[in-house]
Amino acid sequence: MEFKKELKQIIKESSLERVDKQIWDSFAEVVSEREIEPVLELIKENPEMLNLITENLKRKFKIMQEKDEKAMDKIIEEEKKQLGENS
């Protein structure tokens, strides 16, 4: 199981901006292989999910810096709906 390695390769080859690729690198460093697997599968099934998940990650990082728990809960709920519609 080298999900992180595979995800990093997809990110590297993507058309994402450099700063967005760095966000993905940070994400990959703090999550486990088990946590990466469903994200990787979503992206492989639907490459447009990469952009959606990237935007969600950026919003989450910003909210973590602001320590806004209500905003984080809102993003998580939105993400559940988005992922439910796209899976």
PDB file of N, CA and C in Angstrom:
ATOM      1  N   MET A   1       0.843  -1.192   0.000  1.00  0.00           N
ATOM      2  CA  MET A   1       0.000   0.000   0.000  1.00  0.00           C
ATOM      3  C   MET A   1       0.880   1.244   0.000  1.00  0.00           C
ATOM      4  N   GLU A   2       1.018   1.808  -1.141  1.00  0.00           N
ATOM      5  CA  GLU A   2       1.780   3.047  -1.258  1.00  0.00           C
ATOM      6  C   GLU A   2       0.879   4.138  -1.810  1.00  0.00           C
ATOM      7  N   PHE A   3      -0.210   4.373  -1.105  1.00  0.00           N
ATOM      8  CA  PHE A   3      -1.190   5.357  -1.551  1.00  0.00           C
ATOM      9  C   PHE A   3      -0.605   6.765  -1.557  1.00  0.00           C
ATOM     10  N   LYS A   4       0.195   7.079  -0.536  1.00  0.00           N
ATOM     11  CA  LYS A   4       0.796   8.409  -0.474  1.00  0.00           C
ATOM     12  C   LYS A   4       1.683   8.653  -1.685  1.00  0.00           C
ATOM     13  N   LYS A   5       2.481   7.666  -2.024  1.00  0.00           N
ATOM     14  CA  LYS A   5       3.384   7.793  -3.159  1.00  0.00           C
ATOM     15  C   LYS A   5       2.590   8.022  -4.448  1.00  0.00           C
ATOM     16  N   GLU A   6       1.521   7.255  -4.619  1.00  0.00           N
ATOM     17  CA  GLU A   6       0.687   7.398  -5.812  1.00  0.00           C
ATOM     18  C   GLU A   6       0.001   8.764  -5.846  1.00  0.00           C
ATOM     19  N   LEU A   7      -0.514   9.199  -4.701  1.00  0.00           N
ATOM     20  CA  LEU A   7      -1.158  10.514  -4.641  1.00  0.00           C
ATOM     21  C   LEU A   7      -0.146  11.615  -4.953  1.00  0.00           C
ATOM     22  N   LYS A   8       1.039  11.518  -4.384  1.00  0.00           N
ATOM     23  CA  LYS A   8       2.058  12.532  -4.640  1.00  0.00           C
ATOM     24  C   LYS A   8       2.413  12.595  -6.126  1.00  0.00           C
ATOM     25  N   GLN A   9       2.420  11.460  -6.790  1.00  0.00           N
ATOM     26  CA  GLN A   9       2.730  11.437  -8.220  1.00  0.00           C
ATOM     27  C   GLN A   9       1.608  12.117  -9.017  1.00  0.00           C
ATOM     28  N   ILE A  10       0.372  11.846  -8.647  1.00  0.00           N
ATOM     29  CA  ILE A  10      -0.771  12.488  -9.319  1.00  0.00           C
ATOM     30  C   ILE A  10      -0.697  14.001  -9.130  1.00  0.00           C
ATOM     31  N   ILE A  11      -0.409  14.426  -7.917  1.00  0.00           N
ATOM     32  CA  ILE A  11      -0.314  15.859  -7.619  1.00  0.00           C
ATOM     33  C   ILE A  11       0.834  16.483  -8.416  1.00  0.00           C
ATOM     34  N   LYS A  12       1.962  15.828  -8.422  1.00  0.00           N
ATOM     35  CA  LYS A  12       3.138  16.333  -9.135  1.00  0.00           C
ATOM     36  C   LYS A  12       2.825  16.537 -10.618  1.00  0.00           C
ATOM     37  N   GLU A  13       2.102  15.606 -11.219  1.00  0.00           N
ATOM     38  CA  GLU A  13       1.800  15.657 -12.650  1.00  0.00           C
ATOM     39  C   GLU A  13       0.579  16.531 -12.972  1.00  0.00           C
ATOM     40  N   SER A  14      -0.106  16.992 -11.949  1.00  0.00           N
ATOM     41  CA  SER A  14      -1.318  17.786 -12.159  1.00  0.00           C
ATOM     42  C   SER A  14      -0.971  19.205 -12.607  1.00  0.00           C
ATOM     43  N   SER A  15      -2.005  19.910 -12.999  1.00  0.00           N
ATOM     44  CA  SER A  15      -1.836  21.309 -13.412  1.00  0.00           C
ATOM     45  C   SER A  15      -2.066  22.281 -12.258  1.00  0.00           C
ATOM     46  N   LEU A  16      -2.101  21.765 -11.037  1.00  0.00           N
ATOM     47  CA  LEU A  16      -2.287  22.638  -9.874  1.00  0.00           C
ATOM     48  C   LEU A  16      -1.138  23.628  -9.758  1.00  0.00           C
ATOM     49  N   GLU A  17      -1.455  24.770  -9.170  1.00  0.00           N
ATOM     50  CA  GLU A  17      -0.433  25.773  -8.881  1.00  0.00           C
ATOM     51  C   GLU A  17       0.568  25.195  -7.869  1.00  0.00           C
ATOM     52  N   ARG A  18       1.773  25.721  -7.884  1.00  0.00           N
ATOM     53  CA  ARG A  18       2.820  25.232  -6.985  1.00  0.00           C
ATOM     54  C   ARG A  18       2.383  25.294  -5.520  1.00  0.00           C
ATOM     55  N   VAL A  19       1.746  26.386  -5.134  1.00  0.00           N
ATOM     56  CA  VAL A  19       1.323  26.533  -3.740  1.00  0.00           C
ATOM     57  C   VAL A  19       0.276  25.473  -3.380  1.00  0.00           C
ATOM     58  N   ASP A  20      -0.596  25.123  -4.323  1.00  0.00           N
ATOM     59  CA  ASP A  20      -1.585  24.082  -4.064  1.00  0.00           C
ATOM     60  C   ASP A  20      -0.922  22.716  -3.929  1.00  0.00           C
ATOM     61  N   LYS A  21       0.109  22.488  -4.722  1.00  0.00           N
ATOM     62  CA  LYS A  21       0.855  21.239  -4.611  1.00  0.00           C
ATOM     63  C   LYS A  21       1.535  21.151  -3.243  1.00  0.00           C
ATOM     64  N   GLN A  22       1.986  22.276  -2.732  1.00  0.00           N
ATOM     65  CA  GLN A  22       2.611  22.300  -1.409  1.00  0.00           C
ATOM     66  C   GLN A  22       1.589  21.987  -0.315  1.00  0.00           C
ATOM     67  N   ILE A  23       0.372  22.442  -0.516  1.00  0.00           N
ATOM     68  CA  ILE A  23      -0.697  22.124   0.440  1.00  0.00           C
ATOM     69  C   ILE A  23      -0.923  20.616   0.465  1.00  0.00           C
ATOM     70  N   TRP A  24      -0.947  20.004  -0.696  1.00  0.00           N
ATOM     71  CA  TRP A  24      -1.108  18.550  -0.777  1.00  0.00           C
ATOM     72  C   TRP A  24       0.062  17.832  -0.110  1.00  0.00           C
ATOM     73  N   ASP A  25       1.270  18.344  -0.293  1.00  0.00           N
ATOM     74  CA  ASP A  25       2.433  17.739   0.362  1.00  0.00           C
ATOM     75  C   ASP A  25       2.274  17.791   1.880  1.00  0.00           C
ATOM     76  N   SER A  26       1.807  18.921   2.384  1.00  0.00           N
ATOM     77  CA  SER A  26       1.579  19.063   3.833  1.00  0.00           C
ATOM     78  C   SER A  26       0.507  18.085   4.301  1.00  0.00           C
ATOM     79  N   PHE A  27      -0.554  17.986   3.536  1.00  0.00           N
ATOM     80  CA  PHE A  27      -1.645  17.061   3.858  1.00  0.00           C
ATOM     81  C   PHE A  27      -1.121  15.626   3.921  1.00  0.00           C
ATOM     82  N   ALA A  28      -0.357  15.233   2.919  1.00  0.00           N
ATOM     83  CA  ALA A  28       0.153  13.862   2.846  1.00  0.00           C
ATOM     84  C   ALA A  28       1.087  13.533   4.009  1.00  0.00           C
ATOM     85  N   GLU A  29       1.742  14.541   4.546  1.00  0.00           N
ATOM     86  CA  GLU A  29       2.653  14.313   5.662  1.00  0.00           C
ATOM     87  C   GLU A  29       1.927  14.007   6.964  1.00  0.00           C
ATOM     88  N   VAL A  30       0.720  14.498   7.113  1.00  0.00           N
ATOM     89  CA  VAL A  30       0.037  14.355   8.405  1.00  0.00           C
ATOM     90  C   VAL A  30      -1.046  13.292   8.434  1.00  0.00           C
ATOM     91  N   VAL A  31      -1.343  12.691   7.297  1.00  0.00           N
ATOM     92  CA  VAL A  31      -2.377  11.655   7.282  1.00  0.00           C
ATOM     93  C   VAL A  31      -1.756  10.289   7.007  1.00  0.00           C
ATOM     94  N   SER A  32      -2.487   9.275   7.397  1.00  0.00           N
ATOM     95  CA  SER A  32      -1.994   7.907   7.233  1.00  0.00           C
ATOM     96  C   SER A  32      -2.324   7.366   5.838  1.00  0.00           C
ATOM     97  N   GLU A  33      -1.700   6.260   5.500  1.00  0.00           N
ATOM     98  CA  GLU A  33      -1.993   5.580   4.237  1.00  0.00           C
ATOM     99  C   GLU A  33      -3.487   5.244   4.165  1.00  0.00           C
ATOM    100  N   ARG A  34      -4.030   4.793   5.282  1.00  0.00           N
ATOM    101  CA  ARG A  34      -5.447   4.417   5.337  1.00  0.00           C
ATOM    102  C   ARG A  34      -6.350   5.620   5.049  1.00  0.00           C
ATOM    103  N   GLU A  35      -5.948   6.792   5.508  1.00  0.00           N
ATOM    104  CA  GLU A  35      -6.732   8.002   5.275  1.00  0.00           C
ATOM    105  C   GLU A  35      -6.565   8.517   3.848  1.00  0.00           C
ATOM    106  N   ILE A  36      -5.413   8.253   3.254  1.00  0.00           N
ATOM    107  CA  ILE A  36      -5.150   8.696   1.878  1.00  0.00           C
ATOM    108  C   ILE A  36      -5.946   7.865   0.869  1.00  0.00           C
ATOM    109  N   GLU A  37      -6.128   6.599   1.162  1.00  0.00           N
ATOM    110  CA  GLU A  37      -6.747   5.685   0.188  1.00  0.00           C
ATOM    111  C   GLU A  37      -8.078   6.188  -0.371  1.00  0.00           C
ATOM    112  N   PRO A  38      -9.067   6.583   0.454  1.00  0.00           N
ATOM    113  CA  PRO A  38     -10.340   7.027  -0.127  1.00  0.00           C
ATOM    114  C   PRO A  38     -10.213   8.318  -0.938  1.00  0.00           C
ATOM    115  N   VAL A  39      -9.315   9.198  -0.525  1.00  0.00           N
ATOM    116  CA  VAL A  39      -9.084  10.441  -1.263  1.00  0.00           C
ATOM    117  C   VAL A  39      -8.505  10.108  -2.637  1.00  0.00           C
ATOM    118  N   LEU A  40      -7.543   9.224  -2.645  1.00  0.00           N
ATOM    119  CA  LEU A  40      -6.914   8.799  -3.886  1.00  0.00           C
ATOM    120  C   LEU A  40      -7.937   8.151  -4.809  1.00  0.00           C
ATOM    121  N   GLU A  41      -8.776   7.295  -4.269  1.00  0.00           N
ATOM    122  CA  GLU A  41      -9.795   6.621  -5.084  1.00  0.00           C
ATOM    123  C   GLU A  41     -10.770   7.622  -5.701  1.00  0.00           C
ATOM    124  N   LEU A  42     -11.176   8.616  -4.928  1.00  0.00           N
ATOM    125  CA  LEU A  42     -12.070   9.652  -5.461  1.00  0.00           C
ATOM    126  C   LEU A  42     -11.434  10.377  -6.639  1.00  0.00           C
ATOM    127  N   ILE A  43     -10.176  10.733  -6.480  1.00  0.00           N
ATOM    128  CA  ILE A  43      -9.469  11.470  -7.529  1.00  0.00           C
ATOM    129  C   ILE A  43      -9.272  10.599  -8.765  1.00  0.00           C
ATOM    130  N   LYS A  44      -8.981   9.324  -8.557  1.00  0.00           N
ATOM    131  CA  LYS A  44      -8.794   8.425  -9.686  1.00  0.00           C
ATOM    132  C   LYS A  44     -10.112   8.187 -10.435  1.00  0.00           C
ATOM    133  N   GLU A  45     -11.206   8.111  -9.706  1.00  0.00           N
ATOM    134  CA  GLU A  45     -12.521   7.903 -10.321  1.00  0.00           C
ATOM    135  C   GLU A  45     -12.985   9.143 -11.071  1.00  0.00           C
ATOM    136  N   ASN A  46     -12.676  10.310 -10.519  1.00  0.00           N
ATOM    137  CA  ASN A  46     -13.129  11.561 -11.103  1.00  0.00           C
ATOM    138  C   ASN A  46     -12.033  12.618 -10.902  1.00  0.00           C
ATOM    139  N   PRO A  47     -11.201  12.836 -11.911  1.00  0.00           N
ATOM    140  CA  PRO A  47     -10.092  13.783 -11.767  1.00  0.00           C
ATOM    141  C   PRO A  47     -10.509  15.200 -11.347  1.00  0.00           C
ATOM    142  N   GLU A  48     -11.751  15.590 -11.630  1.00  0.00           N
ATOM    143  CA  GLU A  48     -12.223  16.913 -11.199  1.00  0.00           C
ATOM    144  C   GLU A  48     -12.276  17.028  -9.676  1.00  0.00           C
ATOM    145  N   MET A  49     -12.326  15.890  -9.003  1.00  0.00           N
ATOM    146  CA  MET A  49     -12.343  15.911  -7.542  1.00  0.00           C
ATOM    147  C   MET A  49     -11.061  16.515  -6.984  1.00  0.00           C
ATOM    148  N   LEU A  50      -9.974  16.425  -7.726  1.00  0.00           N
ATOM    149  CA  LEU A  50      -8.714  17.009  -7.268  1.00  0.00           C
ATOM    150  C   LEU A  50      -8.885  18.497  -7.001  1.00  0.00           C
ATOM    151  N   ASN A  51      -9.538  19.194  -7.905  1.00  0.00           N
ATOM    152  CA  ASN A  51      -9.758  20.636  -7.719  1.00  0.00           C
ATOM    153  C   ASN A  51     -10.689  20.908  -6.546  1.00  0.00           C
ATOM    154  N   LEU A  52     -11.751  20.141  -6.439  1.00  0.00           N
ATOM    155  CA  LEU A  52     -12.705  20.325  -5.345  1.00  0.00           C
ATOM    156  C   LEU A  52     -12.030  20.079  -3.998  1.00  0.00           C
ATOM    157  N   ILE A  53     -11.306  18.988  -3.888  1.00  0.00           N
ATOM    158  CA  ILE A  53     -10.646  18.663  -2.626  1.00  0.00           C
ATOM    159  C   ILE A  53      -9.549  19.673  -2.318  1.00  0.00           C
ATOM    160  N   THR A  54      -8.858  20.147  -3.335  1.00  0.00           N
ATOM    161  CA  THR A  54      -7.827  21.167  -3.131  1.00  0.00           C
ATOM    162  C   THR A  54      -8.442  22.424  -2.522  1.00  0.00           C
ATOM    163  N   GLU A  55      -9.554  22.862  -3.071  1.00  0.00           N
ATOM    164  CA  GLU A  55     -10.218  24.058  -2.525  1.00  0.00           C
ATOM    165  C   GLU A  55     -10.660  23.830  -1.086  1.00  0.00           C
ATOM    166  N   ASN A  56     -11.177  22.637  -0.796  1.00  0.00           N
ATOM    167  CA  ASN A  56     -11.584  22.327   0.576  1.00  0.00           C
ATOM    168  C   ASN A  56     -10.386  22.326   1.517  1.00  0.00           C
ATOM    169  N   LEU A  57      -9.267  21.767   1.074  1.00  0.00           N
ATOM    170  CA  LEU A  57      -8.055  21.770   1.908  1.00  0.00           C
ATOM    171  C   LEU A  57      -7.591  23.193   2.202  1.00  0.00           C
ATOM    172  N   LYS A  58      -7.595  24.021   1.183  1.00  0.00           N
ATOM    173  CA  LYS A  58      -7.169  25.412   1.376  1.00  0.00           C
ATOM    174  C   LYS A  58      -8.072  26.121   2.384  1.00  0.00           C
ATOM    175  N   ARG A  59      -9.364  25.908   2.261  1.00  0.00           N
ATOM    176  CA  ARG A  59     -10.305  26.521   3.217  1.00  0.00           C
ATOM    177  C   ARG A  59     -10.062  25.995   4.629  1.00  0.00           C
ATOM    178  N   LYS A  60      -9.818  24.705   4.752  1.00  0.00           N
ATOM    179  CA  LYS A  60      -9.584  24.113   6.073  1.00  0.00           C
ATOM    180  C   LYS A  60      -8.305  24.656   6.708  1.00  0.00           C
ATOM    181  N   PHE A  61      -7.234  24.758   5.935  1.00  0.00           N
ATOM    182  CA  PHE A  61      -5.991  25.305   6.484  1.00  0.00           C
ATOM    183  C   PHE A  61      -6.203  26.734   6.973  1.00  0.00           C
ATOM    184  N   LYS A  62      -6.925  27.526   6.208  1.00  0.00           N
ATOM    185  CA  LYS A  62      -7.185  28.914   6.605  1.00  0.00           C
ATOM    186  C   LYS A  62      -7.993  28.957   7.903  1.00  0.00           C
ATOM    187  N   ILE A  63      -9.011  28.134   7.974  1.00  0.00           N
ATOM    188  CA  ILE A  63      -9.859  28.117   9.168  1.00  0.00           C
ATOM    189  C   ILE A  63      -9.096  27.604  10.389  1.00  0.00           C
ATOM    190  N   MET A  64      -8.202  26.643  10.185  1.00  0.00           N
ATOM    191  CA  MET A  64      -7.393  26.166  11.309  1.00  0.00           C
ATOM    192  C   MET A  64      -6.528  27.293  11.858  1.00  0.00           C
ATOM    193  N   GLN A  65      -5.997  28.123  10.976  1.00  0.00           N
ATOM    194  CA  GLN A  65      -5.185  29.259  11.417  1.00  0.00           C
ATOM    195  C   GLN A  65      -6.029  30.250  12.205  1.00  0.00           C
ATOM    196  N   GLU A  66      -7.284  30.398  11.798  1.00  0.00           N
ATOM    197  CA  GLU A  66      -8.188  31.332  12.465  1.00  0.00           C
ATOM    198  C   GLU A  66      -8.842  30.724  13.701  1.00  0.00           C
ATOM    199  N   LYS A  67      -8.725  29.420  13.861  1.00  0.00           N
ATOM    200  CA  LYS A  67      -9.312  28.682  14.990  1.00  0.00           C
ATOM    201  C   LYS A  67     -10.821  28.908  15.077  1.00  0.00           C
ATOM    202  N   ASP A  68     -11.479  28.785  13.939  1.00  0.00           N
ATOM    203  CA  ASP A  68     -12.921  28.997  13.848  1.00  0.00           C
ATOM    204  C   ASP A  68     -13.621  27.640  13.725  1.00  0.00           C
ATOM    205  N   GLU A  69     -14.022  27.085  14.870  1.00  0.00           N
ATOM    206  CA  GLU A  69     -14.614  25.751  14.892  1.00  0.00           C
ATOM    207  C   GLU A  69     -15.939  25.678  14.132  1.00  0.00           C
ATOM    208  N   LYS A  70     -16.752  26.727  14.226  1.00  0.00           N
ATOM    209  CA  LYS A  70     -18.040  26.725  13.529  1.00  0.00           C
ATOM    210  C   LYS A  70     -17.842  26.689  12.013  1.00  0.00           C
ATOM    211  N   ALA A  71     -16.888  27.454  11.537  1.00  0.00           N
ATOM    212  CA  ALA A  71     -16.599  27.457  10.100  1.00  0.00           C
ATOM    213  C   ALA A  71     -16.079  26.093   9.661  1.00  0.00           C
ATOM    214  N   MET A  72     -15.263  25.461  10.496  1.00  0.00           N
ATOM    215  CA  MET A  72     -14.747  24.133  10.157  1.00  0.00           C
ATOM    216  C   MET A  72     -15.879  23.126  10.094  1.00  0.00           C
ATOM    217  N   ASP A  73     -16.797  23.176  11.049  1.00  0.00           N
ATOM    218  CA  ASP A  73     -17.945  22.272  11.025  1.00  0.00           C
ATOM    219  C   ASP A  73     -18.765  22.468   9.747  1.00  0.00           C
ATOM    220  N   LYS A  74     -18.924  23.717   9.345  1.00  0.00           N
ATOM    221  CA  LYS A  74     -19.682  24.022   8.128  1.00  0.00           C
ATOM    222  C   LYS A  74     -19.000  23.426   6.890  1.00  0.00           C
ATOM    223  N   ILE A  75     -17.695  23.579   6.804  1.00  0.00           N
ATOM    224  CA  ILE A  75     -16.954  23.033   5.661  1.00  0.00           C
ATOM    225  C   ILE A  75     -17.070  21.515   5.625  1.00  0.00           C
ATOM    226  N   ILE A  76     -16.963  20.898   6.773  1.00  0.00           N
ATOM    227  CA  ILE A  76     -17.051  19.432   6.832  1.00  0.00           C
ATOM    228  C   ILE A  76     -18.433  18.975   6.365  1.00  0.00           C
ATOM    229  N   GLU A  77     -19.483  19.663   6.773  1.00  0.00           N
ATOM    230  CA  GLU A  77     -20.831  19.311   6.326  1.00  0.00           C
ATOM    231  C   GLU A  77     -20.986  19.503   4.816  1.00  0.00           C
ATOM    232  N   GLU A  78     -20.456  20.609   4.304  1.00  0.00           N
ATOM    233  CA  GLU A  78     -20.499  20.859   2.856  1.00  0.00           C
ATOM    234  C   GLU A  78     -19.748  19.770   2.101  1.00  0.00           C
ATOM    235  N   GLU A  79     -18.606  19.390   2.643  1.00  0.00           N
ATOM    236  CA  GLU A  79     -17.778  18.371   2.006  1.00  0.00           C
ATOM    237  C   GLU A  79     -18.502  17.030   1.970  1.00  0.00           C
ATOM    238  N   LYS A  80     -19.178  16.684   3.044  1.00  0.00           N
ATOM    239  CA  LYS A  80     -19.937  15.431   3.071  1.00  0.00           C
ATOM    240  C   LYS A  80     -20.989  15.418   1.977  1.00  0.00           C
ATOM    241  N   LYS A  81     -21.653  16.542   1.787  1.00  0.00           N
ATOM    242  CA  LYS A  81     -22.673  16.634   0.728  1.00  0.00           C
ATOM    243  C   LYS A  81     -22.029  16.517  -0.644  1.00  0.00           C
ATOM    244  N   GLN A  82     -20.925  17.238  -0.853  1.00  0.00           N
ATOM    245  CA  GLN A  82     -20.234  17.213  -2.147  1.00  0.00           C
ATOM    246  C   GLN A  82     -19.745  15.808  -2.468  1.00  0.00           C
ATOM    247  N   LEU A  83     -19.141  15.169  -1.509  1.00  0.00           N
ATOM    248  CA  LEU A  83     -18.585  13.839  -1.742  1.00  0.00           C
ATOM    249  C   LEU A  83     -19.692  12.810  -1.916  1.00  0.00           C
ATOM    250  N   GLY A  84     -20.797  13.009  -1.238  1.00  0.00           N
ATOM    251  CA  GLY A  84     -21.937  12.108  -1.396  1.00  0.00           C
ATOM    252  C   GLY A  84     -22.528  12.202  -2.790  1.00  0.00           C
ATOM    253  N   GLU A  85     -22.514  13.406  -3.353  1.00  0.00           N
ATOM    254  CA  GLU A  85     -23.057  13.625  -4.687  1.00  0.00           C
ATOM    255  C   GLU A  85     -22.121  13.118  -5.765  1.00  0.00           C
ATOM    256  N   ASN A  86     -20.810  13.085  -5.488  1.00  0.00           N
ATOM    257  CA  ASN A  86     -19.825  12.741  -6.502  1.00  0.00           C
ATOM    258  C   ASN A  86     -19.298  11.327  -6.383  1.00  0.00           C
ATOM    259  N   SER A  87     -19.765  10.577  -5.419  1.00  0.00           N
ATOM    260  CA  SER A  87     -19.228   9.213  -5.266  1.00  0.00           C
ATOM    261  C   SER A  87     -20.146   8.193  -5.883  1.00  0.00           C
TER     262      SER A  87
END
